[in-house]
Amino acid sequence: MIKSHYNYKSQGGEKIAVEIVLYQPEIPPNTGNIARTCALTGTKLHLIKPLGFSIDSKAVKRAGLDYWHLLDLEVHDSLDDFLVKYGDKKIYLSTTKATKNYSEVDFSEDCLIIFGKETAGLPSSLHENYDKNRFIIPMLVHEDVRSLNLSNSVAIVLYEALRQQNFKQLL
């Protein structure tokens, strides 16, 4: 497990209440963009292996620009390792298989939001265990439409969660 040293606090001293989790991300620029968004919002980022790239790859570094030193990053060797450590926390799943809209979710408590791999989403075990905590980002229903870009999805949901917390660590 890789863990960075940076740990954001709000101006009032509270730890940031939302954390982003990427399950087996495959596309370096998506992860780099998400890392940049997390760094600029003080949000911890978890990556669950296997990854489709090296974190040291040029594409990931380029997308994250020069914000990597500000990122609170934790890399987990497997989903099981992640769940052993964080499975007792409030966990939400972003998925196209849900019916609840992301804007209907109460993100006011500490929580972790899991996003699936770009080509396959999340494993069925997560869907079964967190069925009531799944949400969707609304989009056009069409046979040629699968999902939004992962980094866009994370930004949409993260900013909704931060909005619900009154952007306390950003203002």
N, C-alpha and C. Protein backbone atom coordinates (compact mmCIF):
# COMPACT_ATOMS: atom_id res chain seq x y z
N MET A 1 0.84 -1.18 0.00
CA MET A 1 0.00 0.00 0.00
C MET A 1 0.88 1.23 0.00
N ILE A 2 0.58 2.16 -0.88
CA ILE A 2 1.27 3.45 -0.94
C ILE A 2 0.38 4.46 -0.24
N LYS A 3 0.96 5.26 0.57
CA LYS A 3 0.19 6.30 1.25
C LYS A 3 1.01 7.57 1.25
N SER A 4 0.37 8.65 0.84
CA SER A 4 1.08 9.93 0.84
C SER A 4 1.02 10.54 2.23
N HIS A 5 1.76 11.59 2.42
CA HIS A 5 1.83 12.24 3.72
C HIS A 5 0.87 13.40 3.86
N TYR A 6 0.36 13.90 2.75
CA TYR A 6 -0.44 15.12 2.81
C TYR A 6 -1.83 14.82 3.36
N ASN A 7 -2.32 15.65 4.27
CA ASN A 7 -3.63 15.44 4.88
C ASN A 7 -4.30 16.79 5.04
N TYR A 8 -5.32 17.02 4.23
CA TYR A 8 -6.00 18.30 4.26
C TYR A 8 -6.90 18.45 5.47
N LYS A 9 -7.00 19.65 5.94
CA LYS A 9 -7.96 20.03 6.98
C LYS A 9 -8.69 21.27 6.49
N SER A 10 -9.91 21.42 6.94
CA SER A 10 -10.64 22.63 6.59
C SER A 10 -10.08 23.79 7.41
N GLN A 11 -10.56 24.98 7.14
CA GLN A 11 -10.10 26.14 7.90
C GLN A 11 -10.45 26.00 9.38
N GLY A 12 -11.51 25.24 9.67
CA GLY A 12 -11.90 25.00 11.06
C GLY A 12 -11.16 23.83 11.69
N GLY A 13 -10.30 23.16 10.92
CA GLY A 13 -9.50 22.07 11.47
C GLY A 13 -10.09 20.68 11.27
N GLU A 14 -11.30 20.57 10.71
CA GLU A 14 -11.90 19.26 10.52
C GLU A 14 -11.25 18.56 9.32
N LYS A 15 -11.16 17.22 9.39
CA LYS A 15 -10.68 16.46 8.25
C LYS A 15 -11.76 16.47 7.18
N ILE A 16 -11.36 16.47 5.91
CA ILE A 16 -12.31 16.46 4.80
C ILE A 16 -13.17 15.20 4.90
N ALA A 17 -14.48 15.36 4.69
CA ALA A 17 -15.43 14.29 4.95
C ALA A 17 -15.70 13.36 3.78
N VAL A 18 -15.30 13.71 2.58
CA VAL A 18 -15.55 12.89 1.40
C VAL A 18 -14.23 12.36 0.87
N GLU A 19 -14.22 11.08 0.50
CA GLU A 19 -13.04 10.48 -0.12
C GLU A 19 -13.47 9.79 -1.40
N ILE A 20 -12.63 9.84 -2.42
CA ILE A 20 -12.91 9.24 -3.73
C ILE A 20 -12.12 7.94 -3.84
N VAL A 21 -12.78 6.91 -4.37
CA VAL A 21 -12.15 5.61 -4.54
C VAL A 21 -12.30 5.20 -6.01
N LEU A 22 -11.19 4.86 -6.65
CA LEU A 22 -11.23 4.34 -8.02
C LEU A 22 -10.91 2.86 -7.99
N TYR A 23 -11.86 2.06 -8.44
CA TYR A 23 -11.68 0.62 -8.50
C TYR A 23 -11.03 0.24 -9.83
N GLN A 24 -9.81 -0.21 -9.76
CA GLN A 24 -9.05 -0.70 -10.90
C GLN A 24 -9.09 0.23 -12.12
N PRO A 25 -8.72 1.49 -11.95
CA PRO A 25 -8.74 2.42 -13.09
C PRO A 25 -7.78 1.95 -14.19
N GLU A 26 -8.17 2.23 -15.44
CA GLU A 26 -7.40 1.72 -16.58
C GLU A 26 -6.75 2.80 -17.44
N ILE A 27 -7.28 4.01 -17.41
CA ILE A 27 -6.83 5.04 -18.35
C ILE A 27 -6.06 6.13 -17.59
N PRO A 28 -4.75 6.23 -17.86
CA PRO A 28 -3.91 7.17 -17.11
C PRO A 28 -4.41 8.61 -17.05
N PRO A 29 -4.83 9.22 -18.18
CA PRO A 29 -5.27 10.61 -18.09
C PRO A 29 -6.51 10.80 -17.19
N ASN A 30 -7.40 9.82 -17.16
CA ASN A 30 -8.56 9.93 -16.26
C ASN A 30 -8.09 10.00 -14.82
N THR A 31 -7.21 9.09 -14.44
CA THR A 31 -6.72 9.07 -13.06
C THR A 31 -5.93 10.34 -12.75
N GLY A 32 -5.15 10.81 -13.70
CA GLY A 32 -4.41 12.06 -13.49
C GLY A 32 -5.34 13.24 -13.29
N ASN A 33 -6.39 13.32 -14.10
CA ASN A 33 -7.36 14.41 -13.94
C ASN A 33 -8.08 14.32 -12.60
N ILE A 34 -8.43 13.12 -12.19
CA ILE A 34 -9.11 12.91 -10.91
C ILE A 34 -8.16 13.28 -9.76
N ALA A 35 -6.92 12.89 -9.88
CA ALA A 35 -5.93 13.24 -8.85
C ALA A 35 -5.82 14.75 -8.71
N ARG A 36 -5.82 15.44 -9.83
CA ARG A 36 -5.75 16.91 -9.80
C ARG A 36 -6.98 17.49 -9.12
N THR A 37 -8.16 16.99 -9.46
CA THR A 37 -9.39 17.46 -8.83
C THR A 37 -9.36 17.20 -7.32
N CYS A 38 -8.91 16.02 -6.94
CA CYS A 38 -8.83 15.69 -5.51
C CYS A 38 -7.82 16.59 -4.80
N ALA A 39 -6.66 16.82 -5.42
CA ALA A 39 -5.65 17.68 -4.80
C ALA A 39 -6.19 19.09 -4.60
N LEU A 40 -6.91 19.61 -5.58
CA LEU A 40 -7.39 20.99 -5.51
C LEU A 40 -8.61 21.17 -4.62
N THR A 41 -9.23 20.05 -4.22
CA THR A 41 -10.38 20.14 -3.31
C THR A 41 -10.05 19.57 -1.93
N GLY A 42 -8.83 19.09 -1.74
CA GLY A 42 -8.45 18.52 -0.45
C GLY A 42 -9.11 17.19 -0.18
N THR A 43 -9.41 16.44 -1.22
CA THR A 43 -10.12 15.17 -1.10
C THR A 43 -9.14 14.01 -1.23
N LYS A 44 -9.19 13.08 -0.30
CA LYS A 44 -8.33 11.91 -0.37
C LYS A 44 -8.73 11.04 -1.54
N LEU A 45 -7.74 10.47 -2.23
CA LEU A 45 -7.97 9.57 -3.36
C LEU A 45 -7.42 8.19 -3.02
N HIS A 46 -8.27 7.18 -3.20
CA HIS A 46 -7.87 5.78 -3.04
C HIS A 46 -7.84 5.13 -4.42
N LEU A 47 -6.81 4.36 -4.70
CA LEU A 47 -6.74 3.56 -5.92
C LEU A 47 -6.68 2.10 -5.53
N ILE A 48 -7.55 1.29 -6.12
CA ILE A 48 -7.57 -0.14 -5.83
C ILE A 48 -6.97 -0.89 -7.02
N LYS A 49 -5.92 -1.66 -6.76
CA LYS A 49 -5.22 -2.42 -7.79
C LYS A 49 -6.04 -3.65 -8.20
N PRO A 50 -5.73 -4.20 -9.39
CA PRO A 50 -4.66 -3.78 -10.28
C PRO A 50 -5.03 -2.53 -11.06
N LEU A 51 -4.02 -1.72 -11.32
CA LEU A 51 -4.19 -0.51 -12.12
C LEU A 51 -3.80 -0.84 -13.56
N GLY A 52 -4.37 -0.15 -14.50
CA GLY A 52 -4.04 -0.38 -15.91
C GLY A 52 -2.82 0.39 -16.36
N PHE A 53 -2.01 0.87 -15.43
CA PHE A 53 -0.85 1.72 -15.72
C PHE A 53 -0.03 1.84 -14.46
N SER A 54 1.14 2.42 -14.59
CA SER A 54 1.98 2.74 -13.43
C SER A 54 1.65 4.15 -12.98
N ILE A 55 1.56 4.35 -11.69
CA ILE A 55 1.29 5.70 -11.17
C ILE A 55 2.41 6.66 -11.58
N ASP A 56 3.57 6.12 -11.83
CA ASP A 56 4.70 6.96 -12.24
C ASP A 56 4.70 7.27 -13.73
N SER A 57 3.71 6.74 -14.47
CA SER A 57 3.71 6.93 -15.92
C SER A 57 3.58 8.41 -16.28
N LYS A 58 4.15 8.75 -17.41
CA LYS A 58 4.16 10.13 -17.90
C LYS A 58 2.75 10.67 -18.08
N ALA A 59 1.85 9.83 -18.64
CA ALA A 59 0.48 10.29 -18.92
C ALA A 59 -0.26 10.66 -17.64
N VAL A 60 -0.08 9.88 -16.58
CA VAL A 60 -0.74 10.17 -15.30
C VAL A 60 -0.16 11.45 -14.72
N LYS A 61 1.14 11.55 -14.71
CA LYS A 61 1.81 12.74 -14.15
C LYS A 61 1.42 14.00 -14.92
N ARG A 62 1.36 13.89 -16.25
CA ARG A 62 1.04 15.04 -17.09
C ARG A 62 -0.38 15.52 -16.79
N ALA A 63 -1.33 14.60 -16.69
CA ALA A 63 -2.72 14.98 -16.43
C ALA A 63 -2.87 15.63 -15.06
N GLY A 64 -2.10 15.16 -14.08
CA GLY A 64 -2.18 15.73 -12.74
C GLY A 64 -1.37 16.99 -12.57
N LEU A 65 -0.64 17.34 -13.63
CA LEU A 65 0.23 18.51 -13.64
C LEU A 65 1.16 18.50 -12.42
N ASP A 66 1.33 19.62 -11.80
CA ASP A 66 2.29 19.69 -10.69
C ASP A 66 1.58 19.69 -9.33
N TYR A 67 0.47 18.97 -9.25
CA TYR A 67 -0.30 18.93 -8.01
C TYR A 67 -0.11 17.64 -7.22
N TRP A 68 0.69 16.72 -7.71
CA TRP A 68 0.82 15.41 -7.05
C TRP A 68 1.30 15.53 -5.62
N HIS A 69 2.15 16.49 -5.33
CA HIS A 69 2.66 16.65 -3.96
C HIS A 69 1.56 17.11 -2.99
N LEU A 70 0.44 17.62 -3.52
CA LEU A 70 -0.68 18.05 -2.68
C LEU A 70 -1.72 16.96 -2.46
N LEU A 71 -1.56 15.83 -3.15
CA LEU A 71 -2.57 14.78 -3.13
C LEU A 71 -2.41 13.85 -1.93
N ASP A 72 -3.51 13.60 -1.25
CA ASP A 72 -3.56 12.57 -0.20
C ASP A 72 -3.98 11.30 -0.92
N LEU A 73 -3.03 10.41 -1.19
CA LEU A 73 -3.23 9.22 -2.01
C LEU A 73 -2.97 7.96 -1.20
N GLU A 74 -3.86 7.00 -1.33
CA GLU A 74 -3.65 5.68 -0.74
C GLU A 74 -3.96 4.63 -1.80
N VAL A 75 -3.00 3.74 -2.03
CA VAL A 75 -3.15 2.67 -3.02
C VAL A 75 -3.31 1.36 -2.28
N HIS A 76 -4.35 0.60 -2.65
CA HIS A 76 -4.67 -0.67 -2.01
C HIS A 76 -4.37 -1.82 -2.98
N ASP A 77 -3.81 -2.90 -2.45
CA ASP A 77 -3.45 -4.03 -3.30
C ASP A 77 -4.65 -4.77 -3.88
N SER A 78 -5.81 -4.68 -3.22
CA SER A 78 -7.00 -5.38 -3.71
C SER A 78 -8.25 -4.75 -3.10
N LEU A 79 -9.39 -5.11 -3.65
CA LEU A 79 -10.67 -4.66 -3.10
C LEU A 79 -10.84 -5.20 -1.69
N ASP A 80 -10.44 -6.45 -1.47
CA ASP A 80 -10.54 -7.03 -0.12
C ASP A 80 -9.72 -6.24 0.89
N ASP A 81 -8.50 -5.85 0.51
CA ASP A 81 -7.66 -5.05 1.41
C ASP A 81 -8.33 -3.72 1.73
N PHE A 82 -8.90 -3.09 0.71
CA PHE A 82 -9.61 -1.82 0.93
C PHE A 82 -10.77 -2.02 1.89
N LEU A 83 -11.58 -3.06 1.67
CA LEU A 83 -12.77 -3.28 2.49
C LEU A 83 -12.43 -3.68 3.93
N VAL A 84 -11.32 -4.38 4.12
CA VAL A 84 -10.89 -4.70 5.49
C VAL A 84 -10.63 -3.42 6.26
N LYS A 85 -10.02 -2.46 5.60
CA LYS A 85 -9.66 -1.21 6.27
C LYS A 85 -10.81 -0.21 6.35
N TYR A 86 -11.66 -0.15 5.31
CA TYR A 86 -12.68 0.91 5.24
C TYR A 86 -14.11 0.39 5.13
N GLY A 87 -14.31 -0.91 5.16
CA GLY A 87 -15.64 -1.48 4.96
C GLY A 87 -16.68 -1.09 5.99
N ASP A 88 -16.26 -0.61 7.15
CA ASP A 88 -17.21 -0.18 8.18
C ASP A 88 -17.62 1.29 8.01
N LYS A 89 -17.04 1.97 7.04
CA LYS A 89 -17.39 3.38 6.78
C LYS A 89 -18.61 3.45 5.87
N LYS A 90 -19.18 4.64 5.74
CA LYS A 90 -20.29 4.87 4.82
C LYS A 90 -19.72 4.84 3.40
N ILE A 91 -20.20 3.89 2.58
CA ILE A 91 -19.69 3.73 1.22
C ILE A 91 -20.84 3.88 0.24
N TYR A 92 -20.60 4.68 -0.80
CA TYR A 92 -21.56 4.85 -1.90
C TYR A 92 -20.92 4.35 -3.19
N LEU A 93 -21.75 3.88 -4.11
CA LEU A 93 -21.29 3.42 -5.41
C LEU A 93 -21.89 4.30 -6.50
N SER A 94 -21.05 4.78 -7.38
CA SER A 94 -21.52 5.47 -8.57
C SER A 94 -21.59 4.42 -9.68
N THR A 95 -22.80 4.23 -10.23
CA THR A 95 -22.99 3.15 -11.20
C THR A 95 -24.14 3.46 -12.15
N THR A 96 -24.05 2.94 -13.34
CA THR A 96 -25.14 3.07 -14.30
C THR A 96 -26.27 2.09 -13.98
N LYS A 97 -26.06 1.21 -13.01
CA LYS A 97 -27.05 0.20 -12.67
C LYS A 97 -28.00 0.63 -11.53
N ALA A 98 -27.90 1.86 -11.10
CA ALA A 98 -28.73 2.37 -10.00
C ALA A 98 -29.94 3.11 -10.55
N THR A 99 -30.89 3.38 -9.67
CA THR A 99 -32.06 4.18 -10.05
C THR A 99 -32.10 5.52 -9.32
N LYS A 100 -31.41 5.60 -8.18
CA LYS A 100 -31.39 6.86 -7.42
C LYS A 100 -30.41 7.84 -8.06
N ASN A 101 -30.84 9.07 -8.20
CA ASN A 101 -30.03 10.14 -8.77
C ASN A 101 -28.99 10.58 -7.73
N TYR A 102 -27.78 10.92 -8.18
CA TYR A 102 -26.72 11.36 -7.25
C TYR A 102 -27.14 12.56 -6.42
N SER A 103 -28.01 13.41 -6.96
CA SER A 103 -28.43 14.61 -6.22
C SER A 103 -29.41 14.28 -5.10
N GLU A 104 -29.89 13.04 -5.04
CA GLU A 104 -30.79 12.60 -3.97
C GLU A 104 -30.03 11.98 -2.80
N VAL A 105 -28.73 11.84 -2.92
CA VAL A 105 -27.91 11.22 -1.89
C VAL A 105 -27.49 12.28 -0.87
N ASP A 106 -27.54 11.92 0.40
CA ASP A 106 -27.11 12.81 1.47
C ASP A 106 -25.63 12.56 1.75
N PHE A 107 -24.78 13.45 1.27
CA PHE A 107 -23.33 13.34 1.44
C PHE A 107 -22.85 14.16 2.64
N SER A 108 -23.73 14.48 3.58
CA SER A 108 -23.33 15.34 4.68
C SER A 108 -22.44 14.62 5.71
N GLU A 109 -22.50 13.29 5.75
CA GLU A 109 -21.65 12.53 6.68
C GLU A 109 -20.34 12.15 5.98
N ASP A 110 -19.35 11.75 6.79
CA ASP A 110 -18.11 11.22 6.22
C ASP A 110 -18.47 10.04 5.33
N CYS A 111 -17.88 9.97 4.15
CA CYS A 111 -18.19 8.86 3.26
C CYS A 111 -17.08 8.64 2.24
N LEU A 112 -17.12 7.46 1.65
CA LEU A 112 -16.24 7.11 0.54
C LEU A 112 -17.14 6.83 -0.65
N ILE A 113 -16.77 7.35 -1.82
CA ILE A 113 -17.56 7.18 -3.03
C ILE A 113 -16.70 6.38 -4.01
N ILE A 114 -17.20 5.20 -4.39
CA ILE A 114 -16.45 4.30 -5.26
C ILE A 114 -16.94 4.42 -6.70
N PHE A 115 -15.98 4.55 -7.61
CA PHE A 115 -16.24 4.59 -9.04
C PHE A 115 -15.56 3.38 -9.68
N GLY A 116 -16.22 2.76 -10.64
CA GLY A 116 -15.71 1.54 -11.26
C GLY A 116 -14.72 1.77 -12.37
N LYS A 117 -14.12 0.67 -12.82
CA LYS A 117 -13.17 0.75 -13.92
C LYS A 117 -13.88 1.16 -15.19
N GLU A 118 -13.17 1.83 -16.06
CA GLU A 118 -13.76 2.44 -17.25
C GLU A 118 -14.48 1.44 -18.16
N THR A 119 -13.95 0.24 -18.31
CA THR A 119 -14.54 -0.71 -19.27
C THR A 119 -15.53 -1.69 -18.67
N ALA A 120 -15.56 -1.83 -17.36
CA ALA A 120 -16.41 -2.88 -16.77
C ALA A 120 -17.19 -2.45 -15.54
N GLY A 121 -16.96 -1.26 -15.02
CA GLY A 121 -17.69 -0.82 -13.84
C GLY A 121 -17.21 -1.49 -12.57
N LEU A 122 -18.17 -1.76 -11.68
CA LEU A 122 -17.87 -2.33 -10.37
C LEU A 122 -18.26 -3.81 -10.31
N PRO A 123 -17.58 -4.59 -9.46
CA PRO A 123 -17.92 -6.01 -9.36
C PRO A 123 -19.30 -6.22 -8.72
N SER A 124 -19.93 -7.33 -9.05
CA SER A 124 -21.28 -7.63 -8.54
C SER A 124 -21.31 -7.72 -7.02
N SER A 125 -20.20 -8.13 -6.40
CA SER A 125 -20.17 -8.23 -4.94
C SER A 125 -20.42 -6.87 -4.29
N LEU A 126 -19.87 -5.82 -4.86
CA LEU A 126 -20.12 -4.47 -4.33
C LEU A 126 -21.58 -4.07 -4.52
N HIS A 127 -22.13 -4.37 -5.69
CA HIS A 127 -23.54 -4.06 -5.95
C HIS A 127 -24.44 -4.76 -4.94
N GLU A 128 -24.13 -6.02 -4.63
CA GLU A 128 -24.94 -6.79 -3.68
C GLU A 128 -24.80 -6.23 -2.26
N ASN A 129 -23.60 -5.91 -1.85
CA ASN A 129 -23.35 -5.46 -0.48
C ASN A 129 -23.77 -4.02 -0.21
N TYR A 130 -23.82 -3.20 -1.25
CA TYR A 130 -24.13 -1.78 -1.08
C TYR A 130 -25.32 -1.36 -1.95
N ASP A 131 -26.27 -2.26 -2.13
CA ASP A 131 -27.41 -2.03 -3.02
C ASP A 131 -28.16 -0.74 -2.70
N LYS A 132 -28.34 -0.44 -1.45
CA LYS A 132 -29.11 0.76 -1.05
C LYS A 132 -28.28 2.04 -1.15
N ASN A 133 -26.98 1.91 -1.38
CA ASN A 133 -26.09 3.08 -1.44
C ASN A 133 -25.56 3.33 -2.85
N ARG A 134 -26.32 2.89 -3.84
CA ARG A 134 -25.91 3.11 -5.22
C ARG A 134 -26.64 4.31 -5.81
N PHE A 135 -25.96 5.03 -6.69
CA PHE A 135 -26.60 6.16 -7.36
C PHE A 135 -26.11 6.25 -8.79
N ILE A 136 -26.85 7.01 -9.57
CA ILE A 136 -26.54 7.20 -10.99
C ILE A 136 -26.46 8.69 -11.30
N ILE A 137 -25.65 9.03 -12.28
CA ILE A 137 -25.66 10.38 -12.85
C ILE A 137 -26.58 10.31 -14.06
N PRO A 138 -27.66 11.08 -14.09
CA PRO A 138 -28.60 10.97 -15.21
C PRO A 138 -27.95 11.32 -16.54
N MET A 139 -28.33 10.57 -17.55
CA MET A 139 -27.83 10.83 -18.89
C MET A 139 -28.82 10.28 -19.90
N LEU A 140 -28.63 10.60 -21.14
CA LEU A 140 -29.48 10.16 -22.23
C LEU A 140 -29.59 8.63 -22.24
N VAL A 141 -30.79 8.13 -22.40
CA VAL A 141 -30.98 6.69 -22.53
C VAL A 141 -30.98 6.37 -24.02
N HIS A 142 -29.94 5.68 -24.45
CA HIS A 142 -29.79 5.33 -25.86
C HIS A 142 -28.89 4.11 -25.93
N GLU A 143 -29.14 3.25 -26.88
CA GLU A 143 -28.36 2.01 -26.99
C GLU A 143 -26.87 2.26 -27.22
N ASP A 144 -26.51 3.40 -27.76
CA ASP A 144 -25.10 3.70 -28.02
C ASP A 144 -24.42 4.46 -26.87
N VAL A 145 -25.16 4.72 -25.79
CA VAL A 145 -24.61 5.49 -24.68
C VAL A 145 -24.39 4.54 -23.49
N ARG A 146 -23.14 4.49 -23.00
CA ARG A 146 -22.83 3.63 -21.85
C ARG A 146 -22.68 4.43 -20.58
N SER A 147 -21.79 5.41 -20.60
CA SER A 147 -21.54 6.18 -19.38
C SER A 147 -20.72 7.42 -19.71
N LEU A 148 -20.68 8.32 -18.75
CA LEU A 148 -19.85 9.51 -18.85
C LEU A 148 -18.38 9.13 -18.66
N ASN A 149 -17.50 10.01 -19.06
CA ASN A 149 -16.08 9.83 -18.80
C ASN A 149 -15.87 9.79 -17.28
N LEU A 150 -14.99 8.91 -16.83
CA LEU A 150 -14.76 8.72 -15.40
C LEU A 150 -14.36 10.00 -14.68
N SER A 151 -13.44 10.76 -15.25
CA SER A 151 -13.00 11.98 -14.54
C SER A 151 -14.13 13.01 -14.47
N ASN A 152 -14.97 13.07 -15.49
CA ASN A 152 -16.13 13.97 -15.44
C ASN A 152 -17.11 13.51 -14.37
N SER A 153 -17.34 12.21 -14.29
CA SER A 153 -18.26 11.66 -13.29
C SER A 153 -17.79 11.98 -11.88
N VAL A 154 -16.51 11.78 -11.62
CA VAL A 154 -15.97 12.08 -10.30
C VAL A 154 -16.16 13.56 -9.97
N ALA A 155 -15.86 14.44 -10.92
CA ALA A 155 -15.99 15.88 -10.67
C ALA A 155 -17.44 16.26 -10.37
N ILE A 156 -18.39 15.72 -11.12
CA ILE A 156 -19.80 16.02 -10.90
C ILE A 156 -20.22 15.63 -9.48
N VAL A 157 -19.93 14.40 -9.11
CA VAL A 157 -20.37 13.87 -7.81
C VAL A 157 -19.60 14.51 -6.66
N LEU A 158 -18.31 14.67 -6.82
CA LEU A 158 -17.51 15.28 -5.75
C LEU A 158 -17.99 16.69 -5.45
N TYR A 159 -18.24 17.47 -6.47
CA TYR A 159 -18.68 18.84 -6.22
C TYR A 159 -20.10 18.88 -5.64
N GLU A 160 -20.94 17.91 -5.95
CA GLU A 160 -22.25 17.84 -5.28
C GLU A 160 -22.05 17.56 -3.80
N ALA A 161 -21.17 16.62 -3.48
CA ALA A 161 -20.90 16.31 -2.07
C ALA A 161 -20.32 17.52 -1.34
N LEU A 162 -19.38 18.19 -1.97
CA LEU A 162 -18.78 19.38 -1.35
C LEU A 162 -19.81 20.50 -1.21
N ARG A 163 -20.69 20.64 -2.20
CA ARG A 163 -21.76 21.65 -2.10
C ARG A 163 -22.64 21.37 -0.89
N GLN A 164 -22.99 20.09 -0.69
CA GLN A 164 -23.83 19.73 0.45
C GLN A 164 -23.14 20.03 1.77
N GLN A 165 -21.82 20.05 1.77
CA GLN A 165 -21.05 20.38 2.98
C GLN A 165 -20.68 21.86 2.99
N ASN A 166 -21.33 22.64 2.16
CA ASN A 166 -21.12 24.09 2.08
C ASN A 166 -19.68 24.47 1.72
N PHE A 167 -19.01 23.60 0.99
CA PHE A 167 -17.64 23.86 0.53
C PHE A 167 -16.75 24.31 1.69
N LYS A 168 -16.99 23.74 2.87
CA LYS A 168 -16.33 24.25 4.08
C LYS A 168 -14.81 24.29 4.01
N GLN A 169 -14.19 23.35 3.33
CA GLN A 169 -12.74 23.39 3.28
C GLN A 169 -12.20 24.22 2.13
N LEU A 170 -13.09 24.72 1.27
CA LEU A 170 -12.64 25.46 0.09
C LEU A 170 -12.80 26.97 0.23
N LEU A 171 -13.59 27.41 1.15
CA LEU A 171 -13.85 28.84 1.27
C LEU A 171 -13.12 29.45 2.44
